[in-house]
N, C-alpha and C. Protein backbone atom coordinates (compact mmCIF):
# COMPACT_ATOMS: atom_id res chain seq x y z
N ILE A 1 -44.82 -1.42 -5.73
CA ILE A 1 -43.86 -1.97 -6.66
C ILE A 1 -44.42 -1.92 -8.07
N VAL A 2 -45.70 -2.25 -8.21
CA VAL A 2 -46.32 -2.24 -9.54
C VAL A 2 -46.35 -0.83 -10.10
N ILE A 3 -46.75 0.14 -9.30
CA ILE A 3 -46.80 1.52 -9.77
C ILE A 3 -45.40 2.01 -10.14
N SER A 4 -44.41 1.66 -9.34
CA SER A 4 -43.04 2.06 -9.63
C SER A 4 -42.57 1.48 -10.96
N ASN A 5 -42.87 0.22 -11.21
CA ASN A 5 -42.47 -0.40 -12.48
C ASN A 5 -43.21 0.20 -13.67
N ILE A 6 -44.47 0.52 -13.50
CA ILE A 6 -45.23 1.14 -14.59
C ILE A 6 -44.65 2.52 -14.91
N ILE A 7 -44.28 3.27 -13.90
CA ILE A 7 -43.68 4.59 -14.13
C ILE A 7 -42.33 4.44 -14.83
N LYS A 8 -41.55 3.44 -14.42
CA LYS A 8 -40.26 3.21 -15.09
C LYS A 8 -40.47 2.89 -16.56
N LEU A 9 -41.44 2.04 -16.87
CA LEU A 9 -41.73 1.72 -18.27
C LEU A 9 -42.20 2.95 -19.03
N SER A 10 -42.97 3.77 -18.39
CA SER A 10 -43.44 5.00 -19.02
C SER A 10 -42.29 5.95 -19.30
N VAL A 11 -41.34 6.03 -18.37
CA VAL A 11 -40.16 6.89 -18.59
C VAL A 11 -39.32 6.33 -19.73
N TYR A 12 -39.13 5.02 -19.78
CA TYR A 12 -38.37 4.43 -20.87
C TYR A 12 -39.05 4.68 -22.22
N ALA A 13 -40.37 4.60 -22.25
CA ALA A 13 -41.10 4.81 -23.50
C ALA A 13 -40.99 6.25 -23.99
N LYS A 14 -40.85 7.17 -23.08
CA LYS A 14 -40.80 8.59 -23.44
C LYS A 14 -39.40 9.18 -23.32
N GLN A 15 -38.39 8.33 -23.42
CA GLN A 15 -37.02 8.78 -23.24
C GLN A 15 -36.62 9.83 -24.27
N ASP A 16 -37.05 9.69 -25.52
CA ASP A 16 -36.72 10.68 -26.55
C ASP A 16 -37.34 12.04 -26.22
N LEU A 17 -38.59 12.01 -25.80
CA LEU A 17 -39.26 13.26 -25.43
C LEU A 17 -38.57 13.92 -24.24
N ILE A 18 -38.17 13.13 -23.27
CA ILE A 18 -37.49 13.68 -22.09
C ILE A 18 -36.16 14.32 -22.49
N GLN A 19 -35.42 13.66 -23.38
CA GLN A 19 -34.14 14.23 -23.83
C GLN A 19 -34.36 15.54 -24.59
N ASN A 20 -35.43 15.59 -25.40
CA ASN A 20 -35.74 16.83 -26.11
C ASN A 20 -36.12 17.94 -25.13
N LEU A 21 -36.90 17.60 -24.12
CA LEU A 21 -37.28 18.61 -23.13
C LEU A 21 -36.06 19.12 -22.36
N LYS A 22 -35.15 18.21 -22.02
CA LYS A 22 -33.93 18.63 -21.32
C LYS A 22 -33.08 19.53 -22.20
N SER A 23 -33.04 19.22 -23.49
CA SER A 23 -32.18 20.01 -24.37
C SER A 23 -32.71 21.42 -24.61
N ILE A 24 -34.01 21.62 -24.46
CA ILE A 24 -34.53 22.98 -24.64
C ILE A 24 -34.66 23.72 -23.31
N GLY A 25 -34.23 23.08 -22.21
CA GLY A 25 -34.15 23.78 -20.94
C GLY A 25 -35.30 23.55 -19.97
N ALA A 26 -36.01 22.45 -20.11
CA ALA A 26 -37.10 22.17 -19.17
C ALA A 26 -36.52 21.80 -17.80
N THR A 27 -37.20 22.23 -16.76
CA THR A 27 -36.75 21.92 -15.41
C THR A 27 -37.10 20.48 -15.05
N LYS A 28 -36.44 19.97 -14.00
CA LYS A 28 -36.73 18.61 -13.55
C LYS A 28 -38.17 18.48 -13.07
N ARG A 29 -38.65 19.51 -12.41
CA ARG A 29 -40.03 19.50 -11.91
C ARG A 29 -41.02 19.40 -13.07
N PHE A 30 -40.76 20.13 -14.16
CA PHE A 30 -41.64 20.11 -15.32
C PHE A 30 -41.68 18.72 -15.96
N ILE A 31 -40.56 18.04 -15.95
CA ILE A 31 -40.49 16.70 -16.55
C ILE A 31 -41.11 15.66 -15.62
N ARG A 32 -40.92 15.79 -14.32
CA ARG A 32 -41.39 14.78 -13.37
C ARG A 32 -42.88 14.87 -13.06
N THR A 33 -43.47 16.04 -13.16
CA THR A 33 -44.87 16.23 -12.75
C THR A 33 -45.86 15.30 -13.44
N PRO A 34 -45.79 15.10 -14.77
CA PRO A 34 -46.75 14.16 -15.38
C PRO A 34 -46.63 12.73 -14.88
N PHE A 35 -45.42 12.30 -14.56
CA PHE A 35 -45.22 10.95 -14.05
C PHE A 35 -45.76 10.81 -12.63
N ILE A 36 -45.63 11.85 -11.83
CA ILE A 36 -46.18 11.84 -10.47
C ILE A 36 -47.71 11.82 -10.53
N ILE A 37 -48.29 12.62 -11.42
CA ILE A 37 -49.75 12.62 -11.58
C ILE A 37 -50.23 11.26 -12.06
N GLU A 38 -49.48 10.63 -12.96
CA GLU A 38 -49.85 9.29 -13.43
C GLU A 38 -49.86 8.28 -12.29
N GLY A 39 -48.86 8.36 -11.40
CA GLY A 39 -48.81 7.45 -10.26
C GLY A 39 -49.97 7.68 -9.30
N ILE A 40 -50.34 8.94 -9.07
CA ILE A 40 -51.47 9.25 -8.20
C ILE A 40 -52.77 8.72 -8.82
N LEU A 41 -52.93 8.90 -10.12
CA LEU A 41 -54.14 8.40 -10.79
C LEU A 41 -54.22 6.88 -10.75
N GLU A 42 -53.09 6.21 -10.88
CA GLU A 42 -53.08 4.75 -10.76
C GLU A 42 -53.47 4.32 -9.35
N GLY A 43 -53.04 5.06 -8.34
CA GLY A 43 -53.46 4.77 -6.97
C GLY A 43 -54.95 4.97 -6.77
N ILE A 44 -55.50 6.03 -7.37
CA ILE A 44 -56.94 6.29 -7.25
C ILE A 44 -57.75 5.20 -7.96
N ILE A 45 -57.29 4.78 -9.13
CA ILE A 45 -57.99 3.70 -9.85
C ILE A 45 -57.95 2.41 -9.04
N GLY A 46 -56.81 2.13 -8.43
CA GLY A 46 -56.71 0.96 -7.56
C GLY A 46 -57.65 1.05 -6.37
N ALA A 47 -57.80 2.25 -5.80
CA ALA A 47 -58.72 2.44 -4.67
C ALA A 47 -60.16 2.23 -5.10
N ILE A 48 -60.52 2.73 -6.28
CA ILE A 48 -61.88 2.55 -6.78
C ILE A 48 -62.19 1.07 -6.98
N LEU A 49 -61.24 0.33 -7.55
CA LEU A 49 -61.44 -1.11 -7.73
C LEU A 49 -61.54 -1.83 -6.38
N ALA A 50 -60.71 -1.44 -5.42
CA ALA A 50 -60.76 -2.07 -4.09
C ALA A 50 -62.08 -1.77 -3.39
N ILE A 51 -62.56 -0.55 -3.51
CA ILE A 51 -63.84 -0.19 -2.89
C ILE A 51 -64.99 -0.98 -3.53
N ALA A 52 -64.94 -1.14 -4.84
CA ALA A 52 -65.99 -1.90 -5.53
C ALA A 52 -65.98 -3.36 -5.07
N VAL A 53 -64.81 -3.95 -4.98
CA VAL A 53 -64.72 -5.35 -4.54
C VAL A 53 -65.18 -5.48 -3.08
N LEU A 54 -64.76 -4.55 -2.22
CA LEU A 54 -65.19 -4.60 -0.82
C LEU A 54 -66.69 -4.42 -0.69
N PHE A 55 -67.25 -3.50 -1.46
CA PHE A 55 -68.69 -3.26 -1.41
C PHE A 55 -69.47 -4.51 -1.81
N ILE A 56 -69.04 -5.14 -2.90
CA ILE A 56 -69.72 -6.36 -3.36
C ILE A 56 -69.56 -7.48 -2.34
N ALA A 57 -68.36 -7.62 -1.78
CA ALA A 57 -68.12 -8.68 -0.78
C ALA A 57 -68.94 -8.45 0.48
N ILE A 58 -69.02 -7.21 0.93
CA ILE A 58 -69.78 -6.92 2.15
C ILE A 58 -71.27 -7.11 1.91
N ARG A 59 -71.76 -6.63 0.76
CA ARG A 59 -73.20 -6.79 0.45
C ARG A 59 -73.57 -8.27 0.35
N SER A 60 -72.78 -9.05 -0.38
CA SER A 60 -73.11 -10.46 -0.54
C SER A 60 -72.91 -11.21 0.78
N GLY A 61 -71.90 -10.82 1.55
CA GLY A 61 -71.69 -11.46 2.85
C GLY A 61 -72.82 -11.17 3.82
N ASN A 62 -73.32 -9.94 3.83
CA ASN A 62 -74.43 -9.60 4.72
C ASN A 62 -75.70 -10.33 4.31
N ILE A 63 -75.91 -10.47 3.02
CA ILE A 63 -77.11 -11.20 2.57
C ILE A 63 -76.98 -12.68 2.88
N TYR A 64 -75.79 -13.25 2.64
CA TYR A 64 -75.59 -14.68 2.83
C TYR A 64 -75.60 -15.07 4.30
N PHE A 65 -74.97 -14.27 5.14
CA PHE A 65 -74.85 -14.62 6.55
C PHE A 65 -75.92 -13.97 7.43
N ALA A 66 -76.95 -13.38 6.84
CA ALA A 66 -77.98 -12.68 7.62
C ALA A 66 -78.71 -13.64 8.56
N ASN A 67 -78.95 -14.84 8.15
CA ASN A 67 -79.67 -15.80 8.99
C ASN A 67 -78.76 -16.52 9.97
N ILE A 68 -77.47 -16.48 9.76
CA ILE A 68 -76.54 -17.24 10.59
C ILE A 68 -76.01 -16.41 11.75
N ILE A 69 -75.59 -15.17 11.48
CA ILE A 69 -75.03 -14.32 12.52
C ILE A 69 -75.95 -13.13 12.77
N SER A 70 -75.81 -12.53 13.93
CA SER A 70 -76.75 -11.48 14.31
C SER A 70 -76.25 -10.07 14.03
N PHE A 71 -74.97 -9.88 13.70
CA PHE A 71 -74.49 -8.53 13.43
C PHE A 71 -74.31 -8.32 11.92
N LYS A 72 -74.27 -7.05 11.55
CA LYS A 72 -74.16 -6.69 10.15
C LYS A 72 -72.94 -5.78 9.96
N ILE A 73 -72.13 -6.05 8.95
CA ILE A 73 -70.97 -5.21 8.65
C ILE A 73 -71.44 -4.05 7.79
N ASP A 74 -71.03 -2.84 8.16
CA ASP A 74 -71.46 -1.64 7.44
C ASP A 74 -70.27 -1.05 6.68
N PHE A 75 -70.57 -0.29 5.66
CA PHE A 75 -69.56 0.35 4.81
C PHE A 75 -69.67 1.84 5.02
N ASP A 76 -68.73 2.44 5.75
CA ASP A 76 -68.85 3.85 6.10
C ASP A 76 -67.96 4.74 5.22
N ILE A 77 -68.29 6.02 5.19
CA ILE A 77 -67.60 6.99 4.34
C ILE A 77 -66.19 7.29 4.85
N VAL A 78 -65.97 7.19 6.15
CA VAL A 78 -64.64 7.45 6.71
C VAL A 78 -63.64 6.41 6.21
N GLY A 79 -64.06 5.17 6.14
CA GLY A 79 -63.19 4.11 5.61
C GLY A 79 -62.87 4.33 4.15
N ILE A 80 -63.84 4.80 3.39
CA ILE A 80 -63.61 5.08 1.96
C ILE A 80 -62.61 6.22 1.81
N ILE A 81 -62.75 7.27 2.61
CA ILE A 81 -61.83 8.40 2.53
C ILE A 81 -60.41 7.97 2.91
N TRP A 82 -60.28 7.15 3.95
CA TRP A 82 -58.96 6.66 4.34
C TRP A 82 -58.35 5.80 3.25
N LEU A 83 -59.17 4.96 2.61
CA LEU A 83 -58.67 4.12 1.53
C LEU A 83 -58.16 4.96 0.37
N PHE A 84 -58.90 6.03 0.02
CA PHE A 84 -58.44 6.93 -1.03
C PHE A 84 -57.15 7.64 -0.63
N ALA A 85 -57.06 8.09 0.60
CA ALA A 85 -55.85 8.79 1.06
C ALA A 85 -54.63 7.87 1.03
N ILE A 86 -54.81 6.64 1.47
CA ILE A 86 -53.70 5.68 1.45
C ILE A 86 -53.31 5.35 0.02
N ALA A 87 -54.30 5.21 -0.87
CA ALA A 87 -54.01 4.90 -2.27
C ALA A 87 -53.27 6.04 -2.95
N ILE A 88 -53.65 7.28 -2.67
CA ILE A 88 -52.94 8.43 -3.24
C ILE A 88 -51.51 8.47 -2.72
N PHE A 89 -51.32 8.21 -1.45
CA PHE A 89 -49.98 8.20 -0.87
C PHE A 89 -49.12 7.09 -1.48
N ILE A 90 -49.68 5.91 -1.65
CA ILE A 90 -48.94 4.81 -2.26
C ILE A 90 -48.60 5.13 -3.71
N GLY A 91 -49.53 5.73 -4.45
CA GLY A 91 -49.25 6.14 -5.82
C GLY A 91 -48.16 7.17 -5.89
N LEU A 92 -48.16 8.11 -4.95
CA LEU A 92 -47.13 9.15 -4.91
C LEU A 92 -45.76 8.55 -4.61
N ILE A 93 -45.69 7.68 -3.63
CA ILE A 93 -44.42 7.04 -3.28
C ILE A 93 -43.93 6.16 -4.43
N GLY A 94 -44.83 5.41 -5.05
CA GLY A 94 -44.44 4.56 -6.17
C GLY A 94 -43.92 5.35 -7.35
N SER A 95 -44.55 6.48 -7.64
CA SER A 95 -44.08 7.29 -8.76
C SER A 95 -42.73 7.95 -8.45
N TYR A 96 -42.53 8.39 -7.20
CA TYR A 96 -41.22 8.93 -6.83
C TYR A 96 -40.12 7.87 -6.93
N ARG A 97 -40.43 6.64 -6.51
CA ARG A 97 -39.45 5.56 -6.62
C ARG A 97 -39.14 5.25 -8.07
N GLY A 98 -40.15 5.33 -8.94
CA GLY A 98 -39.94 5.02 -10.34
C GLY A 98 -39.10 6.05 -11.07
N ILE A 99 -39.27 7.31 -10.73
CA ILE A 99 -38.55 8.36 -11.47
C ILE A 99 -37.26 8.80 -10.78
N ARG A 100 -37.06 8.35 -9.57
CA ARG A 100 -35.88 8.80 -8.81
C ARG A 100 -34.58 8.44 -9.52
N THR A 101 -34.46 7.21 -9.97
CA THR A 101 -33.20 6.77 -10.56
C THR A 101 -33.14 7.06 -12.05
N LEU A 102 -34.28 7.14 -12.70
CA LEU A 102 -34.28 7.30 -14.15
C LEU A 102 -34.13 8.74 -14.60
N LEU A 103 -34.67 9.67 -13.86
CA LEU A 103 -34.58 11.09 -14.23
C LEU A 103 -33.61 11.78 -13.28
N LYS A 104 -32.37 11.85 -13.66
CA LYS A 104 -31.35 12.45 -12.80
C LYS A 104 -31.12 13.89 -13.16
């Protein structure tokens, strides 16, 4: 929802540019591509922030609970890759939702 709203605001801010591009014959794909890339980048930035918070929480939790519990939570690369893939997908879906109604 947040990514969709940010894309909508971005489209509203660039409405004059979009009208100029349409008037000189730009295709819908040419106009939509920067907004889709923006949504994907916002998803990647969100994934990086989530990974950083998870890494700090897991490291501090392992240090704090080392004497209390006997198992240790590990941070694996497969989970990071899945988190990035899900974030890119969410960014893509959010950007499509944002531009679907505004760019007809």
